[in-house]
Amino acid sequence: IILAGRRLNDNMSMYVANQLIKTMNKKRIQIEDAKVLILGLT
């Protein structure tokens, strides 16, 4: 259970990126050279 939870949490960044790209595609926003702003790094 502990390792399964760790794998899932470690993969959430990839999930977020993929969800963003899917949504941009739906709005017909070009992915190549698209400008993305991330609010927050800490």
PDB file of all heavy atoms in Angstrom:
ATOM      1  N   ILE A   1       0.824  -1.204   0.000  1.00  0.00           N
ATOM      2  CA  ILE A   1       0.000   0.000   0.000  1.00  0.00           C
ATOM      3  C   ILE A   1       0.866   1.265   0.000  1.00  0.00           C
ATOM      4  O   ILE A   1       0.600   2.214  -0.745  1.00  0.00           O
ATOM      5  CB  ILE A   1      -0.963  -0.007   1.205  1.00  0.00           C
ATOM      6  CG1 ILE A   1      -1.995  -1.128   1.036  1.00  0.00           C
ATOM      7  CG2 ILE A   1      -1.672   1.339   1.344  1.00  0.00           C
ATOM      8  CD1 ILE A   1      -2.905  -1.311   2.225  1.00  0.00           C
ATOM      9  N   ILE A   2       1.907   1.273   0.832  1.00  0.00           N
ATOM     10  CA  ILE A   2       2.747   2.470   0.944  1.00  0.00           C
ATOM     11  C   ILE A   2       3.425   2.780  -0.388  1.00  0.00           C
ATOM     12  O   ILE A   2       3.416   3.925  -0.860  1.00  0.00           O
ATOM     13  CB  ILE A   2       3.802   2.290   2.053  1.00  0.00           C
ATOM     14  CG1 ILE A   2       3.113   2.074   3.408  1.00  0.00           C
ATOM     15  CG2 ILE A   2       4.719   3.507   2.126  1.00  0.00           C
ATOM     16  CD1 ILE A   2       4.062   1.675   4.520  1.00  0.00           C
ATOM     17  N   LEU A   3       4.000   1.760  -1.032  1.00  0.00           N
ATOM     18  CA  LEU A   3       4.691   1.978  -2.299  1.00  0.00           C
ATOM     19  C   LEU A   3       3.726   2.327  -3.427  1.00  0.00           C
ATOM     20  O   LEU A   3       4.053   3.125  -4.311  1.00  0.00           O
ATOM     21  CB  LEU A   3       5.528   0.753  -2.669  1.00  0.00           C
ATOM     22  CG  LEU A   3       6.812   0.569  -1.840  1.00  0.00           C
ATOM     23  CD1 LEU A   3       7.506  -0.737  -2.198  1.00  0.00           C
ATOM     24  CD2 LEU A   3       7.765   1.741  -2.070  1.00  0.00           C
ATOM     25  N   ALA A   4       2.530   1.739  -3.394  1.00  0.00           N
ATOM     26  CA  ALA A   4       1.519   2.085  -4.407  1.00  0.00           C
ATOM     27  C   ALA A   4       1.128   3.553  -4.280  1.00  0.00           C
ATOM     28  O   ALA A   4       0.999   4.272  -5.279  1.00  0.00           O
ATOM     29  CB  ALA A   4       0.294   1.195  -4.255  1.00  0.00           C
ATOM     30  N   GLY A   5       0.952   4.018  -3.038  1.00  0.00           N
ATOM     31  CA  GLY A   5       0.647   5.426  -2.806  1.00  0.00           C
ATOM     32  C   GLY A   5       1.760   6.337  -3.274  1.00  0.00           C
ATOM     33  O   GLY A   5       1.527   7.383  -3.884  1.00  0.00           O
ATOM     34  N   ARG A   6       2.996   5.930  -3.028  1.00  0.00           N
ATOM     35  CA  ARG A   6       4.143   6.721  -3.455  1.00  0.00           C
ATOM     36  C   ARG A   6       4.206   6.828  -4.984  1.00  0.00           C
ATOM     37  O   ARG A   6       4.460   7.882  -5.546  1.00  0.00           O
ATOM     38  CB  ARG A   6       5.456   6.083  -2.965  1.00  0.00           C
ATOM     39  CG  ARG A   6       5.918   6.422  -1.608  1.00  0.00           C
ATOM     40  CD  ARG A   6       6.554   7.767  -1.393  1.00  0.00           C
ATOM     41  NE  ARG A   6       5.645   8.854  -1.478  1.00  0.00           N
ATOM     42  CZ  ARG A   6       5.748   9.880  -2.356  1.00  0.00           C
ATOM     43  NH1 ARG A   6       6.735   9.923  -3.197  1.00  0.00           N
ATOM     44  NH2 ARG A   6       4.887  10.870  -2.373  1.00  0.00           N
ATOM     45  N   ARG A   7       3.990   5.696  -5.664  1.00  0.00           N
ATOM     46  CA  ARG A   7       4.028   5.711  -7.138  1.00  0.00           C
ATOM     47  C   ARG A   7       2.964   6.643  -7.693  1.00  0.00           C
ATOM     48  O   ARG A   7       3.219   7.423  -8.621  1.00  0.00           O
ATOM     49  CB  ARG A   7       3.838   4.291  -7.690  1.00  0.00           C
ATOM     50  CG  ARG A   7       5.057   3.409  -7.577  1.00  0.00           C
ATOM     51  CD  ARG A   7       4.917   2.152  -8.406  1.00  0.00           C
ATOM     52  NE  ARG A   7       3.792   1.329  -7.976  1.00  0.00           N
ATOM     53  CZ  ARG A   7       3.869   0.399  -7.009  1.00  0.00           C
ATOM     54  NH1 ARG A   7       5.013   0.175  -6.389  1.00  0.00           N
ATOM     55  NH2 ARG A   7       2.803  -0.325  -6.694  1.00  0.00           N
ATOM     56  N   LEU A   8       1.768   6.557  -7.118  1.00  0.00           N
ATOM     57  CA  LEU A   8       0.673   7.397  -7.608  1.00  0.00           C
ATOM     58  C   LEU A   8       0.994   8.881  -7.404  1.00  0.00           C
ATOM     59  O   LEU A   8       0.846   9.691  -8.318  1.00  0.00           O
ATOM     60  CB  LEU A   8      -0.631   7.020  -6.905  1.00  0.00           C
ATOM     61  CG  LEU A   8      -1.909   7.524  -7.586  1.00  0.00           C
ATOM     62  CD1 LEU A   8      -3.030   6.512  -7.405  1.00  0.00           C
ATOM     63  CD2 LEU A   8      -2.355   8.876  -7.078  1.00  0.00           C
ATOM     64  N   ASN A   9       1.453   9.230  -6.203  1.00  0.00           N
ATOM     65  CA  ASN A   9       1.766  10.637  -5.917  1.00  0.00           C
ATOM     66  C   ASN A   9       2.928  11.152  -6.751  1.00  0.00           C
ATOM     67  O   ASN A   9       2.928  12.301  -7.192  1.00  0.00           O
ATOM     68  CB  ASN A   9       2.045  10.821  -4.427  1.00  0.00           C
ATOM     69  CG  ASN A   9       0.786  10.812  -3.583  1.00  0.00           C
ATOM     70  OD1 ASN A   9      -0.311  11.037  -4.090  1.00  0.00           O
ATOM     71  ND2 ASN A   9       0.935  10.559  -2.281  1.00  0.00           N
ATOM     72  N   ASP A  10       3.928  10.307  -6.970  1.00  0.00           N
ATOM     73  CA  ASP A  10       5.069  10.717  -7.790  1.00  0.00           C
ATOM     74  C   ASP A  10       4.683  10.953  -9.244  1.00  0.00           C
ATOM     75  O   ASP A  10       5.355  11.706  -9.950  1.00  0.00           O
ATOM     76  CB  ASP A  10       6.189   9.665  -7.719  1.00  0.00           C
ATOM     77  CG  ASP A  10       7.134   9.905  -6.545  1.00  0.00           C
ATOM     78  OD1 ASP A  10       7.065  10.987  -5.924  1.00  0.00           O
ATOM     79  OD2 ASP A  10       7.941   9.001  -6.240  1.00  0.00           O
ATOM     80  N   ASN A  11       3.612  10.297  -9.692  1.00  0.00           N
ATOM     81  CA  ASN A  11       3.182  10.429 -11.096  1.00  0.00           C
ATOM     82  C   ASN A  11       2.167  11.549 -11.326  1.00  0.00           C
ATOM     83  O   ASN A  11       1.736  11.759 -12.457  1.00  0.00           O
ATOM     84  CB  ASN A  11       2.589   9.105 -11.588  1.00  0.00           C
ATOM     85  CG  ASN A  11       3.658   8.044 -11.819  1.00  0.00           C
ATOM     86  OD1 ASN A  11       4.794   8.365 -12.163  1.00  0.00           O
ATOM     87  ND2 ASN A  11       3.307   6.780 -11.623  1.00  0.00           N
ATOM     88  N   MET A  12       1.788  12.260 -10.259  1.00  0.00           N
ATOM     89  CA  MET A  12       0.764  13.289 -10.412  1.00  0.00           C
ATOM     90  C   MET A  12       1.224  14.463 -11.280  1.00  0.00           C
ATOM     91  O   MET A  12       0.412  15.076 -11.979  1.00  0.00           O
ATOM     92  CB  MET A  12       0.311  13.796  -9.045  1.00  0.00           C
ATOM     93  CG  MET A  12      -0.601  12.833  -8.300  1.00  0.00           C
ATOM     94  SD  MET A  12      -2.084  12.356  -9.214  1.00  0.00           S
ATOM     95  CE  MET A  12      -3.003  13.909  -9.245  1.00  0.00           C
ATOM     96  N   SER A  13       2.500  14.775 -11.260  1.00  0.00           N
ATOM     97  CA  SER A  13       3.001  15.867 -12.099  1.00  0.00           C
ATOM     98  C   SER A  13       2.803  15.532 -13.576  1.00  0.00           C
ATOM     99  O   SER A  13       2.419  16.399 -14.377  1.00  0.00           O
ATOM    100  CB  SER A  13       4.486  16.129 -11.808  1.00  0.00           C
ATOM    101  OG  SER A  13       4.665  16.559 -10.481  1.00  0.00           O
ATOM    102  N   MET A  14       3.085  14.290 -13.932  1.00  0.00           N
ATOM    103  CA  MET A  14       2.868  13.847 -15.309  1.00  0.00           C
ATOM    104  C   MET A  14       1.385  13.906 -15.664  1.00  0.00           C
ATOM    105  O   MET A  14       1.017  14.317 -16.774  1.00  0.00           O
ATOM    106  CB  MET A  14       3.390  12.413 -15.487  1.00  0.00           C
ATOM    107  CG  MET A  14       3.371  11.903 -16.926  1.00  0.00           C
ATOM    108  SD  MET A  14       3.882  10.165 -17.039  1.00  0.00           S
ATOM    109  CE  MET A  14       5.532  10.254 -16.344  1.00  0.00           C
ATOM    110  N   TYR A  15       0.535  13.508 -14.729  1.00  0.00           N
ATOM    111  CA  TYR A  15      -0.908  13.569 -14.955  1.00  0.00           C
ATOM    112  C   TYR A  15      -1.359  15.010 -15.206  1.00  0.00           C
ATOM    113  O   TYR A  15      -2.132  15.275 -16.128  1.00  0.00           O
ATOM    114  CB  TYR A  15      -1.648  12.981 -13.752  1.00  0.00           C
ATOM    115  CG  TYR A  15      -3.156  13.128 -13.827  1.00  0.00           C
ATOM    116  CD1 TYR A  15      -3.914  12.292 -14.631  1.00  0.00           C
ATOM    117  CD2 TYR A  15      -3.808  14.121 -13.088  1.00  0.00           C
ATOM    118  CE1 TYR A  15      -5.294  12.437 -14.705  1.00  0.00           C
ATOM    119  CE2 TYR A  15      -5.180  14.268 -13.151  1.00  0.00           C
ATOM    120  CZ  TYR A  15      -5.915  13.425 -13.962  1.00  0.00           C
ATOM    121  OH  TYR A  15      -7.288  13.577 -14.031  1.00  0.00           O
ATOM    122  N   VAL A  16      -0.867  15.942 -14.393  1.00  0.00           N
ATOM    123  CA  VAL A  16      -1.223  17.349 -14.539  1.00  0.00           C
ATOM    124  C   VAL A  16      -0.815  17.867 -15.918  1.00  0.00           C
ATOM    125  O   VAL A  16      -1.589  18.534 -16.611  1.00  0.00           O
ATOM    126  CB  VAL A  16      -0.571  18.196 -13.427  1.00  0.00           C
ATOM    127  CG1 VAL A  16      -0.649  19.690 -13.747  1.00  0.00           C
ATOM    128  CG2 VAL A  16      -1.247  17.920 -12.089  1.00  0.00           C
ATOM    129  N   ALA A  17       0.409  17.568 -16.318  1.00  0.00           N
ATOM    130  CA  ALA A  17       0.904  18.019 -17.620  1.00  0.00           C
ATOM    131  C   ALA A  17       0.050  17.457 -18.753  1.00  0.00           C
ATOM    132  O   ALA A  17      -0.317  18.182 -19.690  1.00  0.00           O
ATOM    133  CB  ALA A  17       2.364  17.605 -17.793  1.00  0.00           C
ATOM    134  N   ASN A  18      -0.291  16.184 -18.689  1.00  0.00           N
ATOM    135  CA  ASN A  18      -1.099  15.547 -19.737  1.00  0.00           C
ATOM    136  C   ASN A  18      -2.508  16.127 -19.795  1.00  0.00           C
ATOM    137  O   ASN A  18      -3.063  16.332 -20.878  1.00  0.00           O
ATOM    138  CB  ASN A  18      -1.157  14.040 -19.517  1.00  0.00           C
ATOM    139  CG  ASN A  18       0.165  13.352 -19.831  1.00  0.00           C
ATOM    140  OD1 ASN A  18       0.969  13.879 -20.594  1.00  0.00           O
ATOM    141  ND2 ASN A  18       0.405  12.182 -19.254  1.00  0.00           N
ATOM    142  N   GLN A  19      -3.082  16.393 -18.619  1.00  0.00           N
ATOM    143  CA  GLN A  19      -4.424  16.987 -18.585  1.00  0.00           C
ATOM    144  C   GLN A  19      -4.422  18.377 -19.203  1.00  0.00           C
ATOM    145  O   GLN A  19      -5.357  18.764 -19.910  1.00  0.00           O
ATOM    146  CB  GLN A  19      -4.940  17.046 -17.143  1.00  0.00           C
ATOM    147  CG  GLN A  19      -5.306  15.680 -16.547  1.00  0.00           C
ATOM    148  CD  GLN A  19      -6.437  15.029 -17.285  1.00  0.00           C
ATOM    149  OE1 GLN A  19      -6.221  14.090 -18.058  1.00  0.00           O
ATOM    150  NE2 GLN A  19      -7.644  15.511 -17.092  1.00  0.00           N
ATOM    151  N   LEU A  20      -3.370  19.138 -18.925  1.00  0.00           N
ATOM    152  CA  LEU A  20      -3.255  20.477 -19.497  1.00  0.00           C
ATOM    153  C   LEU A  20      -3.183  20.405 -21.020  1.00  0.00           C
ATOM    154  O   LEU A  20      -3.884  21.147 -21.719  1.00  0.00           O
ATOM    155  CB  LEU A  20      -2.017  21.184 -18.949  1.00  0.00           C
ATOM    156  CG  LEU A  20      -1.774  22.592 -19.529  1.00  0.00           C
ATOM    157  CD1 LEU A  20      -2.834  23.568 -19.020  1.00  0.00           C
ATOM    158  CD2 LEU A  20      -0.375  23.097 -19.184  1.00  0.00           C
ATOM    159  N   ILE A  21      -2.352  19.517 -21.518  1.00  0.00           N
ATOM    160  CA  ILE A  21      -2.168  19.400 -22.969  1.00  0.00           C
ATOM    161  C   ILE A  21      -3.471  18.966 -23.643  1.00  0.00           C
ATOM    162  O   ILE A  21      -3.843  19.488 -24.699  1.00  0.00           O
ATOM    163  CB  ILE A  21      -1.011  18.429 -23.266  1.00  0.00           C
ATOM    164  CG1 ILE A  21       0.315  19.094 -22.891  1.00  0.00           C
ATOM    165  CG2 ILE A  21      -0.995  18.013 -24.739  1.00  0.00           C
ATOM    166  CD1 ILE A  21       1.479  18.154 -22.795  1.00  0.00           C
ATOM    167  N   LYS A  22      -4.189  18.022 -23.045  1.00  0.00           N
ATOM    168  CA  LYS A  22      -5.481  17.583 -23.600  1.00  0.00           C
ATOM    169  C   LYS A  22      -6.471  18.746 -23.687  1.00  0.00           C
ATOM    170  O   LYS A  22      -7.172  18.916 -24.684  1.00  0.00           O
ATOM    171  CB  LYS A  22      -6.076  16.471 -22.728  1.00  0.00           C
ATOM    172  CG  LYS A  22      -5.401  15.119 -22.889  1.00  0.00           C
ATOM    173  CD  LYS A  22      -6.062  14.095 -21.974  1.00  0.00           C
ATOM    174  CE  LYS A  22      -5.386  12.732 -22.063  1.00  0.00           C
ATOM    175  NZ  LYS A  22      -6.011  11.760 -21.111  1.00  0.00           N
ATOM    176  N   THR A  23      -6.513  19.544 -22.620  1.00  0.00           N
ATOM    177  CA  THR A  23      -7.448  20.673 -22.586  1.00  0.00           C
ATOM    178  C   THR A  23      -7.060  21.734 -23.609  1.00  0.00           C
ATOM    179  O   THR A  23      -7.926  22.329 -24.259  1.00  0.00           O
ATOM    180  CB  THR A  23      -7.499  21.276 -21.166  1.00  0.00           C
ATOM    181  OG1 THR A  23      -7.793  20.237 -20.221  1.00  0.00           O
ATOM    182  CG2 THR A  23      -8.577  22.344 -21.075  1.00  0.00           C
ATOM    183  N   MET A  24      -5.759  21.981 -23.756  1.00  0.00           N
ATOM    184  CA  MET A  24      -5.302  22.935 -24.771  1.00  0.00           C
ATOM    185  C   MET A  24      -5.659  22.453 -26.174  1.00  0.00           C
ATOM    186  O   MET A  24      -6.065  23.239 -27.036  1.00  0.00           O
ATOM    187  CB  MET A  24      -3.786  23.147 -24.644  1.00  0.00           C
ATOM    188  CG  MET A  24      -3.375  23.899 -23.389  1.00  0.00           C
ATOM    189  SD  MET A  24      -1.574  23.981 -23.152  1.00  0.00           S
ATOM    190  CE  MET A  24      -1.114  25.105 -24.501  1.00  0.00           C
ATOM    191  N   ASN A  25      -5.522  21.165 -26.409  1.00  0.00           N
ATOM    192  CA  ASN A  25      -5.897  20.604 -27.717  1.00  0.00           C
ATOM    193  C   ASN A  25      -7.380  20.811 -28.005  1.00  0.00           C
ATOM    194  O   ASN A  25      -7.770  21.148 -29.120  1.00  0.00           O
ATOM    195  CB  ASN A  25      -5.566  19.109 -27.759  1.00  0.00           C
ATOM    196  CG  ASN A  25      -4.159  18.836 -28.268  1.00  0.00           C
ATOM    197  OD1 ASN A  25      -3.650  19.577 -29.109  1.00  0.00           O
ATOM    198  ND2 ASN A  25      -3.536  17.754 -27.791  1.00  0.00           N
ATOM    199  N   LYS A  26      -8.199  20.589 -26.974  1.00  0.00           N
ATOM    200  CA  LYS A  26      -9.645  20.767 -27.139  1.00  0.00           C
ATOM    201  C   LYS A  26      -9.992  22.206 -27.496  1.00  0.00           C
ATOM    202  O   LYS A  26     -10.963  22.463 -28.218  1.00  0.00           O
ATOM    203  CB  LYS A  26     -10.378  20.349 -25.857  1.00  0.00           C
ATOM    204  CG  LYS A  26     -10.403  18.839 -25.614  1.00  0.00           C
ATOM    205  CD  LYS A  26     -11.073  18.520 -24.290  1.00  0.00           C
ATOM    206  CE  LYS A  26     -11.052  17.021 -24.010  1.00  0.00           C
ATOM    207  NZ  LYS A  26     -11.626  16.697 -22.667  1.00  0.00           N
ATOM    208  N   LYS A  27      -9.199  23.168 -26.991  1.00  0.00           N
ATOM    209  CA  LYS A  27      -9.422  24.579 -27.282  1.00  0.00           C
ATOM    210  C   LYS A  27      -8.641  25.041 -28.517  1.00  0.00           C
ATOM    211  O   LYS A  27      -8.552  26.228 -28.797  1.00  0.00           O
ATOM    212  CB  LYS A  27      -9.062  25.441 -26.066  1.00  0.00           C
ATOM    213  CG  LYS A  27      -9.923  25.165 -24.838  1.00  0.00           C
ATOM    214  CD  LYS A  27      -9.725  26.183 -23.724  1.00  0.00           C
ATOM    215  CE  LYS A  27     -10.418  27.493 -24.019  1.00  0.00           C
ATOM    216  NZ  LYS A  27     -10.482  28.405 -22.843  1.00  0.00           N
ATOM    217  N   ARG A  28      -8.051  24.049 -29.223  1.00  0.00           N
ATOM    218  CA  ARG A  28      -7.304  24.305 -30.465  1.00  0.00           C
ATOM    219  C   ARG A  28      -6.148  25.286 -30.259  1.00  0.00           C
ATOM    220  O   ARG A  28      -5.878  26.156 -31.092  1.00  0.00           O
ATOM    221  CB  ARG A  28      -8.253  24.803 -31.571  1.00  0.00           C
ATOM    222  CG  ARG A  28      -9.357  23.801 -31.911  1.00  0.00           C
ATOM    223  CD  ARG A  28     -10.164  24.223 -33.107  1.00  0.00           C
ATOM    224  NE  ARG A  28     -11.232  23.295 -33.412  1.00  0.00           N
ATOM    225  CZ  ARG A  28     -11.090  22.132 -34.067  1.00  0.00           C
ATOM    226  NH1 ARG A  28      -9.904  21.797 -34.497  1.00  0.00           N
ATOM    227  NH2 ARG A  28     -12.136  21.341 -34.298  1.00  0.00           N
ATOM    228  N   ILE A  29      -5.485  25.138 -29.142  1.00  0.00           N
ATOM    229  CA  ILE A  29      -4.285  25.927 -28.854  1.00  0.00           C
ATOM    230  C   ILE A  29      -3.065  25.092 -29.241  1.00  0.00           C
ATOM    231  O   ILE A  29      -2.924  23.948 -28.805  1.00  0.00           O
ATOM    232  CB  ILE A  29      -4.208  26.308 -27.361  1.00  0.00           C
ATOM    233  CG1 ILE A  29      -5.418  27.177 -26.978  1.00  0.00           C
ATOM    234  CG2 ILE A  29      -2.906  27.048 -27.057  1.00  0.00           C
ATOM    235  CD1 ILE A  29      -5.531  27.428 -25.481  1.00  0.00           C
ATOM    236  N   GLN A  30      -2.200  25.647 -30.047  1.00  0.00           N
ATOM    237  CA  GLN A  30      -1.032  24.916 -30.513  1.00  0.00           C
ATOM    238  C   GLN A  30      -0.105  24.594 -29.338  1.00  0.00           C
ATOM    239  O   GLN A  30       0.235  25.463 -28.531  1.00  0.00           O
ATOM    240  CB  GLN A  30      -0.276  25.733 -31.570  1.00  0.00           C
ATOM    241  CG  GLN A  30       0.954  24.993 -32.136  1.00  0.00           C
ATOM    242  CD  GLN A  30       1.616  25.746 -33.247  1.00  0.00           C
ATOM    243  OE1 GLN A  30       0.931  26.231 -34.152  1.00  0.00           O
ATOM    244  NE2 GLN A  30       2.933  25.857 -33.233  1.00  0.00           N
ATOM    245  N   ILE A  31       0.308  23.324 -29.251  1.00  0.00           N
ATOM    246  CA  ILE A  31       1.152  22.875 -28.154  1.00  0.00           C
ATOM    247  C   ILE A  31       2.606  23.293 -28.379  1.00  0.00           C
ATOM    248  O   ILE A  31       3.268  23.815 -27.473  1.00  0.00           O
ATOM    249  CB  ILE A  31       1.056  21.342 -27.976  1.00  0.00           C
ATOM    250  CG1 ILE A  31      -0.404  20.912 -27.775  1.00  0.00           C
ATOM    251  CG2 ILE A  31       1.926  20.889 -26.818  1.00  0.00           C
ATOM    252  CD1 ILE A  31      -1.085  21.555 -26.590  1.00  0.00           C
ATOM    253  N   GLU A  32       3.120  23.059 -29.568  1.00  0.00           N
ATOM    254  CA  GLU A  32       4.503  23.408 -29.903  1.00  0.00           C
ATOM    255  C   GLU A  32       4.733  24.913 -29.697  1.00  0.00           C
ATOM    256  O   GLU A  32       3.997  25.746 -30.218  1.00  0.00           O
ATOM    257  CB  GLU A  32       4.804  23.034 -31.355  1.00  0.00           C
ATOM    258  CG  GLU A  32       6.249  23.225 -31.780  1.00  0.00           C
ATOM    259  CD  GLU A  32       7.112  22.022 -31.524  1.00  0.00           C
ATOM    260  OE1 GLU A  32       6.551  20.951 -31.226  1.00  0.00           O
ATOM    261  OE2 GLU A  32       8.328  22.124 -31.642  1.00  0.00           O
ATOM    262  N   ASP A  33       5.742  25.252 -28.894  1.00  0.00           N
ATOM    263  CA  ASP A  33       6.120  26.640 -28.593  1.00  0.00           C
ATOM    264  C   ASP A  33       5.054  27.419 -27.816  1.00  0.00           C
ATOM    265  O   ASP A  33       5.128  28.652 -27.723  1.00  0.00           O
ATOM    266  CB  ASP A  33       6.475  27.411 -29.876  1.00  0.00           C
ATOM    267  CG  ASP A  33       7.749  26.890 -30.522  1.00  0.00           C
ATOM    268  OD1 ASP A  33       8.680  26.491 -29.788  1.00  0.00           O
ATOM    269  OD2 ASP A  33       7.804  26.867 -31.766  1.00  0.00           O
ATOM    270  N   ALA A  34       4.062  26.718 -27.276  1.00  0.00           N
ATOM    271  CA  ALA A  34       3.070  27.393 -26.434  1.00  0.00           C
ATOM    272  C   ALA A  34       3.743  27.959 -25.189  1.00  0.00           C
ATOM    273  O   ALA A  34       4.690  27.393 -24.663  1.00  0.00           O
ATOM    274  CB  ALA A  34       1.968  26.417 -26.031  1.00  0.00           C
ATOM    275  N   LYS A  35       3.243  29.095 -24.743  1.00  0.00           N
ATOM    276  CA  LYS A  35       3.800  29.750 -23.555  1.00  0.00           C
ATOM    277  C   LYS A  35       2.921  29.439 -22.348  1.00  0.00           C
ATOM    278  O   LYS A  35       1.728  29.735 -22.335  1.00  0.00           O
ATOM    279  CB  LYS A  35       3.911  31.258 -23.788  1.00  0.00           C
ATOM    280  CG  LYS A  35       4.956  31.646 -24.841  1.00  0.00           C
ATOM    281  CD  LYS A  35       5.025  33.141 -25.031  1.00  0.00           C
ATOM    282  CE  LYS A  35       6.174  33.526 -25.965  1.00  0.00           C
ATOM    283  NZ  LYS A  35       6.029  32.901 -27.296  1.00  0.00           N
ATOM    284  N   VAL A  36       3.545  28.834 -21.338  1.00  0.00           N
ATOM    285  CA  VAL A  36       2.830  28.418 -20.128  1.00  0.00           C
ATOM    286  C   VAL A  36       3.389  29.178 -18.925  1.00  0.00           C
ATOM    287  O   VAL A  36       4.603  29.277 -18.752  1.00  0.00           O
ATOM    288  CB  VAL A  36       2.970  26.895 -19.892  1.00  0.00           C
ATOM    289  CG1 VAL A  36       2.221  26.488 -18.623  1.00  0.00           C
ATOM    290  CG2 VAL A  36       2.459  26.116 -21.094  1.00  0.00           C
ATOM    291  N   LEU A  37       2.489  29.685 -18.099  1.00  0.00           N
ATOM    292  CA  LEU A  37       2.877  30.338 -16.847  1.00  0.00           C
ATOM    293  C   LEU A  37       2.471  29.434 -15.693  1.00  0.00           C
ATOM    294  O   LEU A  37       1.317  29.034 -15.588  1.00  0.00           O
ATOM    295  CB  LEU A  37       2.193  31.696 -16.702  1.00  0.00           C
ATOM    296  CG  LEU A  37       2.382  32.399 -15.346  1.00  0.00           C
ATOM    297  CD1 LEU A  37       3.841  32.789 -15.117  1.00  0.00           C
ATOM    298  CD2 LEU A  37       1.472  33.626 -15.241  1.00  0.00           C
ATOM    299  N   ILE A  38       3.425  29.140 -14.830  1.00  0.00           N
ATOM    300  CA  ILE A  38       3.131  28.404 -13.599  1.00  0.00           C
ATOM    301  C   ILE A  38       3.217  29.372 -12.428  1.00  0.00           C
ATOM    302  O   ILE A  38       4.251  30.000 -12.198  1.00  0.00           O
ATOM    303  CB  ILE A  38       4.108  27.228 -13.393  1.00  0.00           C
ATOM    304  CG1 ILE A  38       3.981  26.230 -14.546  1.00  0.00           C
ATOM    305  CG2 ILE A  38       3.826  26.532 -12.066  1.00  0.00           C
ATOM    306  CD1 ILE A  38       4.930  25.041 -14.448  1.00  0.00           C
ATOM    307  N   LEU A  39       2.114  29.511 -11.715  1.00  0.00           N
ATOM    308  CA  LEU A  39       2.067  30.383 -10.541  1.00  0.00           C
ATOM    309  C   LEU A  39       2.400  29.558  -9.302  1.00  0.00           C
ATOM    310  O   LEU A  39       1.581  28.801  -8.795  1.00  0.00           O
ATOM    311  CB  LEU A  39       0.682  31.021 -10.411  1.00  0.00           C
ATOM    312  CG  LEU A  39       0.289  32.015 -11.516  1.00  0.00           C
ATOM    313  CD1 LEU A  39      -1.153  32.477 -11.348  1.00  0.00           C
ATOM    314  CD2 LEU A  39       1.223  33.221 -11.528  1.00  0.00           C
ATOM    315  N   GLY A  40       3.640  29.703  -8.846  1.00  0.00           N
ATOM    316  CA  GLY A  40       4.090  28.987  -7.654  1.00  0.00           C
ATOM    317  C   GLY A  40       5.112  27.915  -7.961  1.00  0.00           C
ATOM    318  O   GLY A  40       4.951  27.143  -8.913  1.00  0.00           O
ATOM    319  N   LEU A  41       6.169  27.876  -7.147  1.00  0.00           N
ATOM    320  CA  LEU A  41       7.204  26.850  -7.266  1.00  0.00           C
ATOM    321  C   LEU A  41       7.439  26.123  -5.949  1.00  0.00           C
ATOM    322  O   LEU A  41       7.796  24.946  -5.951  1.00  0.00           O
ATOM    323  CB  LEU A  41       8.523  27.476  -7.731  1.00  0.00           C
ATOM    324  CG  LEU A  41       9.725  26.529  -7.817  1.00  0.00           C
ATOM    325  CD1 LEU A  41       9.527  25.506  -8.946  1.00  0.00           C
ATOM    326  CD2 LEU A  41      11.023  27.284  -8.011  1.00  0.00           C
ATOM    327  N   THR A  42       7.250  26.779  -4.824  1.00  0.00           N
ATOM    328  CA  THR A  42       7.520  26.166  -3.528  1.00  0.00           C
ATOM    329  C   THR A  42       6.630  24.944  -3.317  1.00  0.00           C
ATOM    330  O   THR A  42       5.586  24.814  -3.951  1.00  0.00           O
ATOM    331  CB  THR A  42       7.297  27.173  -2.387  1.00  0.00           C
ATOM    332  OG1 THR A  42       5.935  27.596  -2.395  1.00  0.00           O
ATOM    333  CG2 THR A  42       8.224  28.387  -2.558  1.00  0.00           C
TER     334      THR A  42
END
